[in-house]
N, C-alpha and C. Protein backbone atom coordinates (compact mmCIF):
# COMPACT_ATOMS: atom_id res chain seq x y z
N UNK A 1 -4.34 -1.22 2.33
CA UNK A 1 -3.42 -1.90 3.59
C UNK A 1 -3.42 -2.97 1.85
N UNK A 2 -2.22 -3.45 0.69
CA UNK A 2 -1.94 -4.66 0.11
C UNK A 2 -2.42 -5.70 0.88
N UNK A 3 -3.25 -6.55 0.16
CA UNK A 3 -2.36 -8.22 1.11
C UNK A 3 -1.94 -9.18 -0.06
N UNK A 4 -1.18 -8.66 -0.82
CA UNK A 4 -0.25 -8.99 -1.38
C UNK A 4 1.01 -9.34 -0.72
N UNK A 5 1.88 -10.74 -0.94
CA UNK A 5 2.46 -11.13 -0.44
C UNK A 5 4.03 -10.52 -1.23
N UNK A 6 5.20 -9.77 -1.26
CA UNK A 6 5.81 -9.35 -2.04
C UNK A 6 6.63 -10.58 -2.31
N UNK A 7 7.55 -11.45 -1.70
CA UNK A 7 7.83 -12.67 -1.21
C UNK A 7 7.21 -13.36 -2.29
N UNK A 8 6.44 -13.86 -1.79
CA UNK A 8 5.44 -15.18 -2.75
C UNK A 8 3.99 -14.08 -2.76
N UNK A 9 3.61 -13.87 -4.03
CA UNK A 9 2.62 -13.92 -4.26
C UNK A 9 1.26 -14.63 -4.74
N UNK A 10 1.71 -15.83 -5.06
CA UNK A 10 1.77 -17.11 -5.41
C UNK A 10 0.64 -17.45 -4.11
N UNK A 11 1.10 -17.84 -3.06
CA UNK A 11 1.10 -18.14 -2.08
C UNK A 11 0.86 -17.61 -0.42
N UNK A 12 0.23 -16.50 -0.53
CA UNK A 12 0.05 -15.69 0.90
C UNK A 12 0.13 -16.61 2.19
N UNK A 13 1.73 -16.34 3.13
CA UNK A 13 1.59 -16.82 4.19
C UNK A 13 2.63 -17.66 3.48
N UNK A 14 2.97 -18.34 2.67
CA UNK A 14 4.29 -19.11 2.12
C UNK A 14 5.62 -18.36 2.66
N UNK A 15 6.96 -19.14 2.99
CA UNK A 15 7.54 -19.02 3.17
C UNK A 15 8.38 -18.35 1.58
N UNK A 16 8.90 -17.40 2.34
CA UNK A 16 9.97 -17.02 0.95
C UNK A 16 10.88 -17.60 0.87
N UNK A 17 11.49 -18.72 1.13
CA UNK A 17 12.56 -19.72 0.79
C UNK A 17 12.72 -20.69 1.93
N UNK A 18 13.60 -21.61 1.37
CA UNK A 18 13.91 -22.46 2.50
C UNK A 18 14.23 -21.96 4.11
N UNK A 19 15.12 -20.97 4.13
CA UNK A 19 15.14 -20.52 5.29
C UNK A 19 14.06 -19.29 6.54
N UNK A 20 13.15 -19.06 5.77
CA UNK A 20 12.12 -18.09 6.29
C UNK A 20 10.99 -19.65 6.52
N UNK A 21 10.52 -19.48 7.19
CA UNK A 21 9.04 -20.30 7.88
C UNK A 21 8.00 -19.65 7.55
N UNK A 22 6.88 -20.26 7.62
CA UNK A 22 5.57 -19.53 7.07
C UNK A 22 4.70 -19.37 8.53
N UNK A 23 4.38 -18.70 8.82
CA UNK A 23 3.64 -17.83 9.99
C UNK A 23 1.88 -18.32 9.49
N UNK A 24 1.01 -18.11 10.49
CA UNK A 24 -0.49 -17.71 9.95
C UNK A 24 -0.81 -18.02 11.40
N UNK A 25 -2.14 -17.14 11.64
CA UNK A 25 -2.75 -16.43 12.49
C UNK A 25 -3.38 -18.02 13.40
N UNK A 26 -3.61 -18.45 14.21
CA UNK A 26 -3.89 -19.83 15.17
C UNK A 26 -4.97 -19.38 16.28
N UNK A 27 -4.94 -18.80 16.94
CA UNK A 27 -5.91 -18.05 18.46
C UNK A 27 -5.22 -16.70 19.20
N UNK A 28 -6.09 -16.54 19.36
CA UNK A 28 -5.92 -15.85 20.77
C UNK A 28 -5.79 -16.68 22.40
N UNK A 29 -4.86 -16.55 22.76
CA UNK A 29 -5.55 -17.19 24.46
C UNK A 29 -5.31 -16.59 25.92
N UNK A 30 -6.49 -16.61 26.13
CA UNK A 30 -6.90 -15.97 27.48
C UNK A 30 -6.45 -16.68 28.43
N UNK A 31 -5.85 -16.23 29.46
CA UNK A 31 -4.99 -16.57 30.94
C UNK A 31 -6.89 -16.53 32.08
N UNK A 32 -7.27 -17.20 33.15
CA UNK A 32 -8.84 -17.75 33.79
C UNK A 32 -8.49 -18.62 34.82
N UNK A 33 -8.83 -18.13 35.21
CA UNK A 33 -9.44 -19.85 36.43
C UNK A 33 -9.77 -20.85 35.93
N UNK A 34 -10.78 -20.26 35.13
CA UNK A 34 -11.50 -21.87 34.76
C UNK A 34 -11.72 -22.13 33.77
N UNK A 35 -10.86 -22.87 32.70
CA UNK A 35 -11.26 -22.71 31.04
C UNK A 35 -12.43 -23.44 30.96
N UNK A 36 -12.80 -23.86 31.51
CA UNK A 36 -14.13 -24.38 30.90
C UNK A 36 -15.19 -23.82 30.82
N UNK A 37 -15.42 -22.94 32.21
CA UNK A 37 -16.06 -21.75 32.20
C UNK A 37 -16.24 -20.79 30.84
N UNK A 38 -14.97 -20.30 30.79
CA UNK A 38 -14.82 -18.87 30.17
C UNK A 38 -14.81 -19.35 28.60
N UNK A 39 -14.29 -20.72 28.26
CA UNK A 39 -14.54 -21.64 26.92
C UNK A 39 -16.07 -21.78 26.46
N UNK A 40 -17.09 -22.16 27.70
CA UNK A 40 -18.84 -22.09 27.74
C UNK A 40 -19.34 -20.80 27.38
N UNK A 41 -18.84 -19.38 28.01
CA UNK A 41 -19.63 -17.93 27.85
C UNK A 41 -18.77 -17.76 26.02
N UNK A 42 -17.73 -18.04 25.63
CA UNK A 42 -17.28 -17.55 24.66
C UNK A 42 -17.81 -18.69 23.72
N UNK A 43 -17.74 -20.16 23.69
CA UNK A 43 -18.73 -21.52 22.49
C UNK A 43 -19.70 -20.46 22.26
N UNK A 44 -21.24 -20.43 23.15
CA UNK A 44 -22.35 -19.89 23.00
C UNK A 44 -22.28 -18.30 22.60
N UNK A 45 -21.27 -17.74 22.49
CA UNK A 45 -21.20 -16.24 22.42
C UNK A 45 -21.20 -15.94 20.66
N UNK A 46 -19.80 -16.71 20.51
CA UNK A 46 -19.61 -17.15 19.31
C UNK A 46 -19.89 -18.27 18.12
N UNK A 47 -20.95 -18.90 18.71
CA UNK A 47 -21.08 -20.25 18.22
C UNK A 47 -20.08 -21.26 17.78
N UNK A 48 -18.89 -21.03 18.64
CA UNK A 48 -17.92 -22.01 18.47
C UNK A 48 -17.37 -23.38 19.30
N UNK A 49 -17.54 -24.64 18.26
CA UNK A 49 -17.30 -25.59 19.54
C UNK A 49 -16.14 -26.15 19.71
N UNK A 50 -16.01 -26.59 21.28
CA UNK A 50 -14.46 -27.13 21.58
C UNK A 50 -13.72 -27.86 20.71
N UNK A 51 -12.96 -27.89 20.40
CA UNK A 51 -11.72 -27.93 19.35
C UNK A 51 -10.04 -29.22 20.38
N UNK A 52 -10.60 -28.35 21.58
CA UNK A 52 -9.86 -29.79 22.18
C UNK A 52 -9.94 -29.01 24.16
N UNK A 53 -9.84 -29.55 24.94
CA UNK A 53 -10.18 -29.66 26.14
C UNK A 53 -9.12 -30.76 26.90
N UNK A 54 -9.01 -29.97 28.32
CA UNK A 54 -8.01 -30.58 29.07
C UNK A 54 -8.60 -29.64 30.56
N UNK A 55 -8.19 -30.30 31.70
CA UNK A 55 -8.51 -29.76 32.79
C UNK A 55 -7.89 -28.18 32.67
N UNK A 56 -6.68 -28.27 32.32
CA UNK A 56 -6.32 -26.70 32.31
C UNK A 56 -6.15 -25.85 30.76
N UNK A 57 -6.47 -26.45 30.02
CA UNK A 57 -6.47 -25.91 28.74
C UNK A 57 -8.15 -26.19 27.71
N UNK A 58 -8.96 -25.54 27.36
CA UNK A 58 -9.60 -25.46 26.63
C UNK A 58 -9.64 -24.32 25.31
N UNK A 59 -9.66 -25.38 23.36
CA UNK A 59 -9.52 -24.59 22.81
C UNK A 59 -11.17 -24.58 22.39
N UNK A 60 -11.62 -23.44 20.85
CA UNK A 60 -12.39 -23.29 20.81
C UNK A 60 -12.58 -23.24 19.26
N UNK A 61 -12.92 -23.93 18.39
CA UNK A 61 -12.57 -23.25 16.95
C UNK A 61 -12.98 -24.48 16.19
N UNK A 62 -13.74 -23.71 14.65
CA UNK A 62 -14.06 -24.22 13.99
C UNK A 62 -13.84 -24.58 12.85
N UNK A 63 -13.28 -26.43 12.13
CA UNK A 63 -13.06 -26.82 11.10
C UNK A 63 -10.87 -25.91 10.74
N UNK A 64 -10.38 -25.65 11.48
CA UNK A 64 -8.98 -25.64 11.27
C UNK A 64 -8.88 -24.08 10.97
N UNK A 65 -9.72 -23.13 11.36
CA UNK A 65 -10.48 -21.75 11.39
C UNK A 65 -9.19 -21.13 12.30
N UNK A 66 -8.94 -20.03 12.96
CA UNK A 66 -8.26 -19.89 13.76
C UNK A 66 -9.41 -19.75 15.31
N UNK A 67 -8.67 -19.60 16.45
CA UNK A 67 -9.72 -19.84 17.69
C UNK A 67 -9.26 -19.14 18.78
N UNK A 68 -10.35 -19.80 19.46
CA UNK A 68 -9.54 -18.82 20.93
C UNK A 68 -9.36 -19.81 21.97
N UNK A 69 -8.22 -19.48 22.82
CA UNK A 69 -7.95 -20.31 23.67
C UNK A 69 -8.29 -19.90 25.06
N UNK A 70 -8.40 -20.77 25.90
CA UNK A 70 -8.29 -20.57 27.64
C UNK A 70 -7.60 -21.52 28.56
N UNK A 71 -6.94 -20.40 28.94
CA UNK A 71 -6.23 -21.60 30.16
C UNK A 71 -6.09 -21.16 31.25
N UNK A 72 -5.61 -22.54 32.44
CA UNK A 72 -5.84 -22.03 33.62
C UNK A 72 -4.63 -21.28 34.16
N UNK A 73 -4.24 -20.58 35.16
CA UNK A 73 -3.63 -19.54 35.40
C UNK A 73 -3.60 -19.64 37.26
N UNK A 74 -3.36 -20.44 37.91
CA UNK A 74 -3.02 -20.37 39.40
C UNK A 74 -2.82 -19.44 39.94
N UNK A 75 -3.70 -18.38 40.33
CA UNK A 75 -3.63 -17.20 41.19
C UNK A 75 -3.86 -16.11 40.27
N UNK A 76 -4.69 -16.21 39.35
CA UNK A 76 -5.65 -15.48 38.54
C UNK A 76 -6.01 -14.59 39.37
N UNK A 77 -5.25 -13.03 38.40
CA UNK A 77 -6.50 -12.29 39.12
C UNK A 77 -6.82 -11.36 37.67
N UNK A 78 -7.85 -10.68 37.55
CA UNK A 78 -8.33 -10.23 36.35
C UNK A 78 -8.80 -8.82 36.99
N UNK A 79 -8.49 -8.36 35.22
CA UNK A 79 -8.14 -6.88 34.99
C UNK A 79 -8.91 -5.94 36.03
N UNK A 80 -8.60 -5.09 36.59
CA UNK A 80 -9.60 -4.08 37.17
C UNK A 80 -10.05 -3.24 36.15
N UNK A 81 -9.97 -2.95 35.24
CA UNK A 81 -10.52 -2.00 34.18
C UNK A 81 -11.60 -1.43 34.48
N UNK A 82 -11.54 -0.01 34.51
CA UNK A 82 -11.30 0.76 33.78
C UNK A 82 -9.51 1.37 35.29
N UNK A 83 -9.65 0.92 35.76
CA UNK A 83 -8.97 1.41 37.25
C UNK A 83 -7.58 0.39 36.69
N UNK A 84 -6.28 1.32 36.25
CA UNK A 84 -5.10 0.51 35.62
C UNK A 84 -4.40 -0.84 37.03
N UNK A 85 -5.06 -1.11 38.25
CA UNK A 85 -4.47 -1.44 38.99
C UNK A 85 -3.78 -3.15 38.76
N UNK A 86 -4.58 -3.26 37.62
CA UNK A 86 -4.48 -5.01 37.48
C UNK A 86 -4.64 -4.58 35.99
N UNK A 87 -3.82 -4.51 35.59
CA UNK A 87 -3.93 -3.87 33.37
C UNK A 87 -4.30 -4.91 32.67
N UNK A 88 -5.47 -4.65 31.77
CA UNK A 88 -6.08 -5.91 30.76
C UNK A 88 -4.85 -5.52 30.05
N UNK A 89 -4.12 -6.62 29.21
CA UNK A 89 -3.14 -7.22 28.47
C UNK A 89 -4.08 -6.96 26.69
N UNK A 90 -4.81 -7.30 26.69
CA UNK A 90 -5.89 -7.00 25.45
C UNK A 90 -7.20 -7.71 25.03
N UNK A 91 -8.13 -7.23 24.60
CA UNK A 91 -9.78 -7.20 24.78
C UNK A 91 -9.91 -7.78 23.46
N UNK A 92 -11.82 -8.40 23.08
CA UNK A 92 -11.88 -8.91 21.88
C UNK A 92 -13.03 -7.40 21.49
N UNK A 93 -12.97 -6.93 20.01
CA UNK A 93 -14.20 -6.03 19.70
C UNK A 93 -14.88 -7.31 18.81
N UNK A 94 -16.22 -7.59 18.96
CA UNK A 94 -17.25 -7.87 18.82
C UNK A 94 -18.40 -7.01 18.02
N UNK A 95 -18.32 -7.35 16.78
CA UNK A 95 -19.55 -7.07 15.87
C UNK A 95 -20.85 -7.20 16.01
N UNK A 96 -21.75 -6.56 16.26
CA UNK A 96 -22.97 -6.96 16.61
C UNK A 96 -24.31 -5.80 15.94
N UNK A 97 -25.15 -6.21 15.56
CA UNK A 97 -26.26 -5.68 14.89
C UNK A 97 -26.95 -4.11 15.84
N UNK A 98 -27.16 -4.51 16.65
CA UNK A 98 -27.59 -4.09 17.63
C UNK A 98 -27.06 -4.03 19.05
N UNK A 99 -26.98 -3.11 19.82
CA UNK A 99 -26.38 -2.65 20.48
C UNK A 99 -27.21 -3.23 21.84
N UNK A 100 -28.20 -3.09 22.00
CA UNK A 100 -29.02 -2.64 23.50
C UNK A 100 -29.31 -4.42 24.03
N UNK A 101 -29.40 -4.65 22.14
CA UNK A 101 -30.07 -6.25 22.08
C UNK A 101 -28.95 -7.25 22.52
N UNK A 102 -28.05 -7.07 21.78
CA UNK A 102 -26.48 -7.86 22.08
C UNK A 102 -26.00 -7.67 24.03
N UNK A 103 -25.83 -6.59 23.97
CA UNK A 103 -25.73 -6.46 25.56
C UNK A 103 -26.71 -7.41 26.42
N UNK A 104 -27.68 -7.33 26.29
CA UNK A 104 -28.69 -8.33 27.22
C UNK A 104 -28.21 -9.48 27.19
N UNK A 105 -28.29 -10.12 26.00
CA UNK A 105 -28.04 -11.25 25.90
C UNK A 105 -26.55 -12.10 26.31
N UNK A 106 -25.56 -11.01 26.06
CA UNK A 106 -24.67 -11.97 26.84
C UNK A 106 -24.61 -11.47 28.00
N UNK A 107 -25.19 -10.71 28.51
CA UNK A 107 -25.54 -10.18 29.86
C UNK A 107 -26.31 -12.04 30.87
N UNK A 108 -27.38 -12.13 29.76
CA UNK A 108 -27.54 -13.10 30.29
C UNK A 108 -26.89 -14.68 30.22
N UNK A 109 -25.66 -14.65 29.74
CA UNK A 109 -25.16 -16.15 29.33
C UNK A 109 -23.72 -15.59 30.61
N UNK A 110 -23.93 -14.36 31.40
CA UNK A 110 -22.65 -14.14 32.24
C UNK A 110 -21.93 -13.40 32.18
N UNK A 111 -22.31 -12.13 31.35
CA UNK A 111 -20.94 -11.04 31.19
C UNK A 111 -21.89 -10.11 32.15
N UNK A 112 -21.12 -8.99 32.26
CA UNK A 112 -21.71 -7.56 33.20
C UNK A 112 -20.87 -6.87 32.42
N UNK A 113 -21.56 -5.57 33.13
CA UNK A 113 -21.92 -4.55 32.59
C UNK A 113 -20.73 -3.78 33.81
N UNK A 114 -19.39 -2.88 33.15
CA UNK A 114 -19.02 -2.03 34.33
C UNK A 114 -19.79 -0.42 34.13
N UNK A 115 -19.95 0.10 35.25
CA UNK A 115 -20.43 1.71 35.30
C UNK A 115 -19.63 2.48 34.03
N UNK A 116 -18.01 2.22 33.74
CA UNK A 116 -17.69 3.50 33.04
C UNK A 116 -17.71 3.05 31.33
N UNK A 117 -18.26 3.44 30.31
CA UNK A 117 -18.64 3.40 29.68
C UNK A 117 -18.37 4.38 28.52
N UNK A 118 -17.05 4.37 28.21
CA UNK A 118 -16.06 5.86 27.75
C UNK A 118 -17.46 6.34 25.83
N UNK A 119 -17.72 5.70 25.19
CA UNK A 119 -18.68 6.24 24.04
C UNK A 119 -19.82 4.50 23.70
N UNK A 120 -20.74 4.98 24.72
CA UNK A 120 -22.52 3.84 24.71
C UNK A 120 -22.68 4.09 23.58
N UNK A 121 -22.75 4.76 23.16
CA UNK A 121 -23.79 5.24 21.60
C UNK A 121 -23.00 4.21 20.68
N UNK A 122 -21.70 4.26 21.00
CA UNK A 122 -20.89 3.63 19.78
C UNK A 122 -20.25 1.85 19.69
N UNK A 123 -20.38 2.34 21.08
CA UNK A 123 -19.77 0.90 21.37
C UNK A 123 -19.73 0.97 23.13
N UNK A 124 -19.82 -0.51 23.66
CA UNK A 124 -20.14 -0.88 25.35
C UNK A 124 -18.93 -1.97 25.62
N UNK A 125 -18.01 -2.07 26.61
CA UNK A 125 -17.17 -2.61 27.35
C UNK A 125 -18.01 -3.45 28.31
N UNK A 126 -17.89 -4.57 27.76
CA UNK A 126 -18.54 -5.49 29.47
C UNK A 126 -17.26 -5.75 29.68
N UNK A 127 -17.70 -7.44 30.68
CA UNK A 127 -16.82 -7.90 31.21
C UNK A 127 -17.06 -9.79 31.17
N UNK A 128 -16.17 -10.51 30.69
CA UNK A 128 -16.28 -11.25 30.36
C UNK A 128 -16.43 -12.51 32.20
N UNK A 129 -16.94 -13.76 32.16
CA UNK A 129 -16.77 -14.31 33.10
C UNK A 129 -15.63 -14.30 33.96
N UNK A 130 -15.04 -14.14 33.44
CA UNK A 130 -13.30 -14.22 34.24
C UNK A 130 -13.05 -12.16 33.93
N UNK A 131 -13.43 -11.61 34.11
CA UNK A 131 -13.15 -10.50 34.09
C UNK A 131 -11.93 -9.56 33.22
N UNK A 132 -12.35 -10.51 31.88
CA UNK A 132 -11.46 -10.00 30.77
C UNK A 132 -12.34 -8.74 30.25
N UNK A 133 -12.12 -7.25 29.66
CA UNK A 133 -12.87 -6.49 29.53
C UNK A 133 -12.90 -6.61 27.99
N UNK A 134 -14.19 -6.54 27.30
CA UNK A 134 -14.06 -7.25 25.58
C UNK A 134 -15.68 -6.27 24.97
N UNK A 135 -15.47 -6.11 24.06
CA UNK A 135 -16.50 -4.92 23.34
C UNK A 135 -17.34 -5.57 22.34
N UNK A 136 -18.82 -4.78 22.29
CA UNK A 136 -19.30 -4.86 21.49
C UNK A 136 -19.61 -4.01 21.00
N UNK A 137 -19.71 -3.78 19.73
CA UNK A 137 -19.83 -2.19 18.62
C UNK A 137 -20.84 -2.68 17.34
N UNK A 138 -21.71 -2.20 16.71
CA UNK A 138 -22.32 -1.46 15.50
C UNK A 138 -20.99 -1.35 14.07
N UNK A 139 -19.96 -0.66 14.90
CA UNK A 139 -18.95 0.06 13.31
C UNK A 139 -18.19 -0.84 12.66
N UNK A 140 -18.49 -2.33 13.62
CA UNK A 140 -17.24 -3.49 12.30
C UNK A 140 -19.04 -4.52 12.13
């Protein structure tokens, strides 16, 4: 896939004209019961500092780069993956060099490993402290 912007090849992401705003990827935000707890987990996993923090929202990012947000939701119900009773909406894919070592480290940080593993020799599904599924893989 070409990364060239045909409307404005000089500046990717720049507006095509005065009526077209520029967009850039900024973050993914996860709903959760405790933003500080979930932010602590991902800050440790991804070595990201806290860029903004309030009682109901924490944002992790480094130097204006895209980041991860964590937003408090009253009555939050974690996904019940792989059971579709409470569906997951999205999940992260994290590249690692060694599945076993990465899995063990993530579990020490608070992740859990569900019994169902669709392809454990290629990737592992883990759950973060709020129950969001995420994957680790050596494929990327």
